[in-house]
Structures are given as C-alpha cells and as structure tokens.
Amino acid sequence: MADFFDALSDKHVAMIAQQPVFFVATAAPDARINLSPKGYDAFRVLTPTVVAYLDLGGSGNETHAHLRADGRITLMFCNFQQPALILRIYGRGRAVLPQDEQWDALAAHFTLMPGTRQIFVIDVESVQTSCGWGVPLMAMEAERKTLLKAHAQSDPAEWEAKMSTRIASIDGLPARATDRYIEGAPGTRPE
C-alpha cells in the first residue's frame, strides 16, 4: 500500500541518507523518458519541501533539457537493506549552473567534485512511500571512481569545450551549458 505525504519527514530524510544510489526520471512532451542512476555524496535535503543534487558532466544533458521544457521530475530511493522501503519524491525542478546568481549559496551545501556541472533543485510536490518487498537485499561494495577520475584527469579547457556542446537533448530540446570546469574540493580527486 502506498502512502503519500506533502513533505519529507525526519524518518524519510534518515532513510534517504542511508542510500548509496538514487534514480532520477524526467520527461517532456513528445520526447523520450530519461531515467538515470546517481551515486556519490550528491543529494541534499534543503528543507522538507526542497531537495537538490549535484550533477557531474556525462554523455548528455537530458535532465536539464527536460526540466527546462517541462519541469516535472521524479526521484526514487530504494532501501536495499532492512526494512524494505521505496521512497519517491515528485516535484518540479530547475538547473542552477555555476554562472547563475544562486550558485554560491546553493553550492555551499555540497562538497564539489571534479566535473561538477550543475545542481538540480527540486520543489517537492509530494512524497510517496511503498513496501519495497520485491527489491532485493544488497550490500554496497564500493563507489565507482571512474567518472571522478575521468573528470579529474581532464584538461580544463578541453572539458569546457566538450561541455559547451551539451546544449540539447537527444530529441533536440534546448539546455544550457556550464561555463567553467570545477576541479573539485580537496580530497575529492581520486588517485
């Protein structure tokens, strides 16, 4: 049985804090649905009705383009340990890039990592929990460092040139590109 809430409770926030991975889904009219897994220490609950996550450069910029076109976003957290639980956050999101006025205040909530491209801010419209009884029990072995290594080893000018091309979704929806390479805070650059 699913339960709905208007905001995140302390219990929800505690469950979210224990999850090493979360999933992000977005869509826009007449466009493909985008579904992405996210790892690292990239998610923050700012208030019971506002959350945010740090986005590293990747192969595209689908989430940004979809949010710009439509705004709808769903985040899903699965508890792979006990107790079984799935938590979804439904909301409306927007991208904040390093060149945006809100960047400094928002970025202060995170430890910036190599290749940080933007922060997505989500206004929570509703929270849903469900049993999760069909989700397997799994243990996290380790974070995969490959993406961080790739960004950390990048030449900043080449990285910026590459990210400047991430201005449209697969379906041609517009997105904005970041204007700078972020090397990451001390301790975030893998060996």
C-alpha atoms as a PDB file:
ATOM      1  CA  MET A   1       0.000   0.000   0.000  1.00  0.00           C
ATOM      2  CA  ALA A   2       1.364   3.383  -0.967  1.00  0.00           C
ATOM      3  CA  ASP A   3       1.259   6.352   1.392  1.00  0.00           C
ATOM      4  CA  PHE A   4       1.501   9.975   0.264  1.00  0.00           C
ATOM      5  CA  PHE A   5       2.880  12.966   2.150  1.00  0.00           C
ATOM      6  CA  ASP A   6       3.084  16.686   1.408  1.00  0.00           C
ATOM      7  CA  ALA A   7       6.694  16.945   2.592  1.00  0.00           C
ATOM      8  CA  LEU A   8       9.651  14.891   3.742  1.00  0.00           C
ATOM      9  CA  SER A   9       9.554  13.780   7.364  1.00  0.00           C
ATOM     10  CA  ASP A  10      12.571  13.168   9.597  1.00  0.00           C
ATOM     11  CA  LYS A  11      12.064   9.437   9.002  1.00  0.00           C
ATOM     12  CA  HIS A  12      12.151   9.956   5.223  1.00  0.00           C
ATOM     13  CA  VAL A  13      15.299  12.069   5.467  1.00  0.00           C
ATOM     14  CA  ALA A  14      17.018   9.394   7.577  1.00  0.00           C
ATOM     15  CA  MET A  15      16.147   6.702   5.016  1.00  0.00           C
ATOM     16  CA  ILE A  16      17.439   8.851   2.143  1.00  0.00           C
ATOM     17  CA  ALA A  17      20.726   9.486   3.985  1.00  0.00           C
ATOM     18  CA  GLN A  18      21.395   5.736   4.120  1.00  0.00           C
ATOM     19  CA  GLN A  19      21.074   5.127   0.364  1.00  0.00           C
ATOM     20  CA  PRO A  20      24.226   4.985  -1.801  1.00  0.00           C
ATOM     21  CA  VAL A  21      22.255   5.353  -5.039  1.00  0.00           C
ATOM     22  CA  PHE A  22      19.104   7.104  -6.212  1.00  0.00           C
ATOM     23  CA  PHE A  23      17.270   7.296  -9.518  1.00  0.00           C
ATOM     24  CA  VAL A  24      16.084  10.338 -11.457  1.00  0.00           C
ATOM     25  CA  ALA A  25      13.306  10.302 -14.081  1.00  0.00           C
ATOM     26  CA  THR A  26      12.225  13.196 -16.304  1.00  0.00           C
ATOM     27  CA  ALA A  27      10.185  13.613 -19.463  1.00  0.00           C
ATOM     28  CA  ALA A  28       8.932  16.307 -21.758  1.00  0.00           C
ATOM     29  CA  PRO A  29       6.033  16.207 -24.232  1.00  0.00           C
ATOM     30  CA  ASP A  30       6.861  14.214 -27.367  1.00  0.00           C
ATOM     31  CA  ALA A  31      10.319  13.324 -26.007  1.00  0.00           C
ATOM     32  CA  ARG A  32      11.869  10.171 -24.638  1.00  0.00           C
ATOM     33  CA  ILE A  33      11.665   9.472 -20.933  1.00  0.00           C
ATOM     34  CA  ASN A  34      15.050   9.808 -19.247  1.00  0.00           C
ATOM     35  CA  LEU A  35      15.946   7.590 -16.288  1.00  0.00           C
ATOM     36  CA  SER A  36      19.365   7.857 -14.646  1.00  0.00           C
ATOM     37  CA  PRO A  37      21.047   6.319 -11.588  1.00  0.00           C
ATOM     38  CA  LYS A  38      23.052   8.680  -9.385  1.00  0.00           C
ATOM     39  CA  GLY A  39      25.753   7.855  -6.858  1.00  0.00           C
ATOM     40  CA  TYR A  40      28.373   9.631  -4.763  1.00  0.00           C
ATOM     41  CA  ASP A  41      27.556  12.021  -1.922  1.00  0.00           C
ATOM     42  CA  ALA A  42      25.462  14.175  -4.228  1.00  0.00           C
ATOM     43  CA  PHE A  43      21.991  14.530  -2.658  1.00  0.00           C
ATOM     44  CA  ARG A  44      20.829  17.074  -0.086  1.00  0.00           C
ATOM     45  CA  VAL A  45      17.543  17.733   1.665  1.00  0.00           C
ATOM     46  CA  LEU A  46      17.496  21.522   1.989  1.00  0.00           C
ATOM     47  CA  THR A  47      14.066  21.757   3.660  1.00  0.00           C
ATOM     48  CA  PRO A  48      11.164  19.313   3.983  1.00  0.00           C
ATOM     49  CA  THR A  49       9.883  20.661   0.639  1.00  0.00           C
ATOM     50  CA  VAL A  50      13.111  21.423  -1.261  1.00  0.00           C
ATOM     51  CA  VAL A  51      15.847  18.961  -2.251  1.00  0.00           C
ATOM     52  CA  ALA A  52      18.853  19.258  -4.533  1.00  0.00           C
ATOM     53  CA  TYR A  53      21.504  17.122  -6.126  1.00  0.00           C
ATOM     54  CA  LEU A  54      24.920  17.735  -7.607  1.00  0.00           C
ATOM     55  CA  ASP A  55      25.259  16.753 -11.273  1.00  0.00           C
ATOM     56  CA  LEU A  56      28.558  15.766 -12.844  1.00  0.00           C
ATOM     57  CA  GLY A  57      29.159  16.052 -16.569  1.00  0.00           C
ATOM     58  CA  GLY A  58      28.064  12.995 -18.509  1.00  0.00           C
ATOM     59  CA  SER A  59      27.257  11.853 -22.004  1.00  0.00           C
ATOM     60  CA  GLY A  60      24.332  14.247 -22.414  1.00  0.00           C
ATOM     61  CA  ASN A  61      22.213  16.783 -20.586  1.00  0.00           C
ATOM     62  CA  GLU A  62      18.760  15.174 -20.726  1.00  0.00           C
ATOM     63  CA  THR A  63      17.587  16.071 -17.223  1.00  0.00           C
ATOM     64  CA  HIS A  64      18.426  19.737 -17.756  1.00  0.00           C
ATOM     65  CA  ALA A  65      16.635  19.868 -21.123  1.00  0.00           C
ATOM     66  CA  HIS A  66      13.550  18.082 -19.782  1.00  0.00           C
ATOM     67  CA  LEU A  67      13.293  20.320 -16.729  1.00  0.00           C
ATOM     68  CA  ARG A  68      13.657  23.389 -18.892  1.00  0.00           C
ATOM     69  CA  ALA A  69      10.886  22.160 -21.201  1.00  0.00           C
ATOM     70  CA  ASP A  70       8.505  20.651 -18.682  1.00  0.00           C
ATOM     71  CA  GLY A  71       9.773  20.895 -15.099  1.00  0.00           C
ATOM     72  CA  ARG A  72       8.481  17.523 -13.885  1.00  0.00           C
ATOM     73  CA  ILE A  73      10.871  15.194 -12.093  1.00  0.00           C
ATOM     74  CA  THR A  74      10.642  12.038 -10.002  1.00  0.00           C
ATOM     75  CA  LEU A  75      13.399  10.844  -7.670  1.00  0.00           C
ATOM     76  CA  MET A  76      13.374   7.292  -6.307  1.00  0.00           C
ATOM     77  CA  PHE A  77      15.269   5.826  -3.371  1.00  0.00           C
ATOM     78  CA  CYS A  78      15.190   2.071  -2.659  1.00  0.00           C
ATOM     79  CA  ASN A  79      16.285   0.626   0.642  1.00  0.00           C
ATOM     80  CA  PHE A  80      18.398  -2.391  -0.349  1.00  0.00           C
ATOM     81  CA  GLN A  81      18.776  -3.256   3.353  1.00  0.00           C
ATOM     82  CA  GLN A  82      16.098  -3.713   6.014  1.00  0.00           C
ATOM     83  CA  PRO A  83      13.417  -2.531   6.368  1.00  0.00           C
ATOM     84  CA  ALA A  84      12.139  -2.811   2.810  1.00  0.00           C
ATOM     85  CA  LEU A  85      11.006   0.587   1.534  1.00  0.00           C
ATOM     86  CA  ILE A  86      10.741   2.599  -1.663  1.00  0.00           C
ATOM     87  CA  LEU A  87      10.506   6.385  -1.436  1.00  0.00           C
ATOM     88  CA  ARG A  88       9.617   8.612  -4.378  1.00  0.00           C
ATOM     89  CA  ILE A  89       9.786  12.386  -4.499  1.00  0.00           C
ATOM     90  CA  TYR A  90       7.564  14.010  -7.111  1.00  0.00           C
ATOM     91  CA  GLY A  91       8.239  17.612  -7.917  1.00  0.00           C
ATOM     92  CA  ARG A  92       9.280  20.360 -10.243  1.00  0.00           C
ATOM     93  CA  GLY A  93      12.934  21.041 -10.832  1.00  0.00           C
ATOM     94  CA  ARG A  94      15.351  23.510 -12.301  1.00  0.00           C
ATOM     95  CA  ALA A  95      19.055  23.599 -13.040  1.00  0.00           C
ATOM     96  CA  VAL A  96      21.393  26.037 -11.327  1.00  0.00           C
ATOM     97  CA  LEU A  97      24.726  26.408 -13.136  1.00  0.00           C
ATOM     98  CA  PRO A  98      27.999  27.899 -11.839  1.00  0.00           C
ATOM     99  CA  GLN A  99      27.338  31.108 -13.766  1.00  0.00           C
ATOM    100  CA  ASP A 100      23.930  31.595 -12.113  1.00  0.00           C
ATOM    101  CA  GLU A 101      23.383  34.065  -9.279  1.00  0.00           C
ATOM    102  CA  GLN A 102      22.131  31.345  -6.881  1.00  0.00           C
ATOM    103  CA  TRP A 103      25.180  29.114  -7.415  1.00  0.00           C
ATOM    104  CA  ASP A 104      27.382  30.143  -4.478  1.00  0.00           C
ATOM    105  CA  ALA A 105      24.658  29.841  -1.845  1.00  0.00           C
ATOM    106  CA  LEU A 106      23.473  26.511  -3.224  1.00  0.00           C
ATOM    107  CA  ALA A 107      26.946  25.050  -3.802  1.00  0.00           C
ATOM    108  CA  ALA A 108      27.781  25.704  -0.127  1.00  0.00           C
ATOM    109  CA  HIS A 109      25.546  22.717   0.745  1.00  0.00           C
ATOM    110  CA  PHE A 110      27.804  20.319  -1.193  1.00  0.00           C
ATOM    111  CA  THR A 111      31.380  19.153  -1.461  1.00  0.00           C
ATOM    112  CA  LEU A 112      32.046  19.961  -5.103  1.00  0.00           C
ATOM    113  CA  MET A 113      33.557  17.076  -7.063  1.00  0.00           C
ATOM    114  CA  PRO A 114      35.673  17.045 -10.223  1.00  0.00           C
ATOM    115  CA  GLY A 115      33.438  17.687 -13.216  1.00  0.00           C
ATOM    116  CA  THR A 116      30.584  19.295 -11.285  1.00  0.00           C
ATOM    117  CA  ARG A 117      28.364  20.724 -13.998  1.00  0.00           C
ATOM    118  CA  GLN A 118      25.209  21.943 -12.267  1.00  0.00           C
ATOM    119  CA  ILE A 119      22.936  21.487  -9.280  1.00  0.00           C
ATOM    120  CA  PHE A 120      19.340  20.457  -9.750  1.00  0.00           C
ATOM    121  CA  VAL A 121      16.901  21.977  -7.252  1.00  0.00           C
ATOM    122  CA  ILE A 122      13.548  20.242  -6.820  1.00  0.00           C
ATOM    123  CA  ASP A 123      10.464  21.743  -5.189  1.00  0.00           C
ATOM    124  CA  VAL A 124       8.713  18.770  -3.605  1.00  0.00           C
ATOM    125  CA  GLU A 125       5.048  18.416  -4.589  1.00  0.00           C
ATOM    126  CA  SER A 126       4.511  15.053  -2.919  1.00  0.00           C
ATOM    127  CA  VAL A 127       6.344  12.141  -1.334  1.00  0.00           C
ATOM    128  CA  GLN A 128       5.260   8.536  -1.754  1.00  0.00           C
ATOM    129  CA  THR A 129       6.410   5.504   0.180  1.00  0.00           C
ATOM    130  CA  SER A 130       5.637   1.910  -0.720  1.00  0.00           C
ATOM    131  CA  CYS A 131       6.587  -1.500   0.640  1.00  0.00           C
ATOM    132  CA  GLY A 132       9.609  -2.395  -1.497  1.00  0.00           C
ATOM    133  CA  TRP A 133       9.116  -6.067  -0.722  1.00  0.00           C
ATOM    134  CA  GLY A 134      10.213  -7.039  -4.240  1.00  0.00           C
ATOM    135  CA  VAL A 135      13.507  -5.111  -4.032  1.00  0.00           C
ATOM    136  CA  PRO A 136      16.466  -7.443  -3.359  1.00  0.00           C
ATOM    137  CA  LEU A 137      18.696  -7.227  -0.325  1.00  0.00           C
ATOM    138  CA  MET A 138      22.088  -5.971  -1.489  1.00  0.00           C
ATOM    139  CA  ALA A 139      25.210  -4.550   0.079  1.00  0.00           C
ATOM    140  CA  MET A 140      27.287  -1.764  -1.413  1.00  0.00           C
ATOM    141  CA  GLU A 141      30.805  -2.905  -2.200  1.00  0.00           C
ATOM    142  CA  ALA A 142      32.337   0.489  -3.052  1.00  0.00           C
ATOM    143  CA  GLU A 143      31.757   3.664  -5.004  1.00  0.00           C
ATOM    144  CA  ARG A 144      32.895   3.507  -8.598  1.00  0.00           C
ATOM    145  CA  LYS A 145      35.595   6.163  -9.049  1.00  0.00           C
ATOM    146  CA  THR A 146      35.704   6.047 -12.868  1.00  0.00           C
ATOM    147  CA  LEU A 147      33.636   9.193 -13.520  1.00  0.00           C
ATOM    148  CA  LEU A 148      35.538  11.210 -10.927  1.00  0.00           C
ATOM    149  CA  LYS A 149      38.870  10.029 -12.368  1.00  0.00           C
ATOM    150  CA  ALA A 150      37.830  10.933 -15.902  1.00  0.00           C
ATOM    151  CA  HIS A 151      36.860  14.449 -14.841  1.00  0.00           C
ATOM    152  CA  ALA A 152      39.902  14.906 -12.580  1.00  0.00           C
ATOM    153  CA  GLN A 153      42.259  13.952 -15.425  1.00  0.00           C
ATOM    154  CA  SER A 154      40.594  16.317 -17.895  1.00  0.00           C
ATOM    155  CA  ASP A 155      42.282  19.379 -19.274  1.00  0.00           C
ATOM    156  CA  PRO A 156      40.009  22.217 -18.062  1.00  0.00           C
ATOM    157  CA  ALA A 157      39.846  23.958 -21.466  1.00  0.00           C
ATOM    158  CA  GLU A 158      39.053  20.685 -23.263  1.00  0.00           C
ATOM    159  CA  TRP A 159      36.432  19.805 -20.628  1.00  0.00           C
ATOM    160  CA  GLU A 160      34.755  23.202 -21.015  1.00  0.00           C
ATOM    161  CA  ALA A 161      34.755  22.824 -24.811  1.00  0.00           C
ATOM    162  CA  LYS A 162      33.178  19.380 -24.532  1.00  0.00           C
ATOM    163  CA  MET A 163      30.504  20.515 -22.053  1.00  0.00           C
ATOM    164  CA  SER A 164      29.702  23.533 -24.240  1.00  0.00           C
ATOM    165  CA  THR A 165      28.261  21.066 -26.761  1.00  0.00           C
ATOM    166  CA  ARG A 166      25.722  19.705 -24.235  1.00  0.00           C
ATOM    167  CA  ILE A 167      23.058  22.221 -25.273  1.00  0.00           C
ATOM    168  CA  ALA A 168      20.292  19.917 -26.499  1.00  0.00           C
ATOM    169  CA  SER A 169      18.625  16.679 -25.506  1.00  0.00           C
ATOM    170  CA  ILE A 170      18.532  13.579 -27.691  1.00  0.00           C
ATOM    171  CA  ASP A 171      15.220  14.910 -29.036  1.00  0.00           C
ATOM    172  CA  GLY A 172      16.561  18.422 -29.672  1.00  0.00           C
ATOM    173  CA  LEU A 173      15.193  20.173 -26.578  1.00  0.00           C
ATOM    174  CA  PRO A 174      17.439  23.087 -25.533  1.00  0.00           C
ATOM    175  CA  ALA A 175      19.695  23.019 -22.482  1.00  0.00           C
ATOM    176  CA  ARG A 176      22.214  25.493 -21.074  1.00  0.00           C
ATOM    177  CA  ALA A 177      25.874  24.564 -20.740  1.00  0.00           C
ATOM    178  CA  THR A 178      28.096  25.264 -17.760  1.00  0.00           C
ATOM    179  CA  ASP A 179      30.695  27.955 -18.290  1.00  0.00           C
ATOM    180  CA  ARG A 180      33.538  26.524 -16.211  1.00  0.00           C
ATOM    181  CA  TYR A 181      35.458  23.448 -15.159  1.00  0.00           C
ATOM    182  CA  ILE A 182      35.298  22.667 -11.452  1.00  0.00           C
ATOM    183  CA  GLU A 183      38.265  20.631 -10.273  1.00  0.00           C
ATOM    184  CA  GLY A 184      36.613  19.569  -7.020  1.00  0.00           C
ATOM    185  CA  ALA A 185      37.286  20.197  -3.370  1.00  0.00           C
ATOM    186  CA  PRO A 186      40.402  18.761  -1.699  1.00  0.00           C
ATOM    187  CA  GLY A 187      40.003  15.025  -1.155  1.00  0.00           C
ATOM    188  CA  THR A 188      37.510  14.521  -3.992  1.00  0.00           C
ATOM    189  CA  ARG A 189      40.099  13.848  -6.707  1.00  0.00           C
ATOM    190  CA  PRO A 190      40.725  10.075  -6.799  1.00  0.00           C
ATOM    191  CA  GLU A 191      44.277   8.789  -7.128  1.00  0.00           C
END
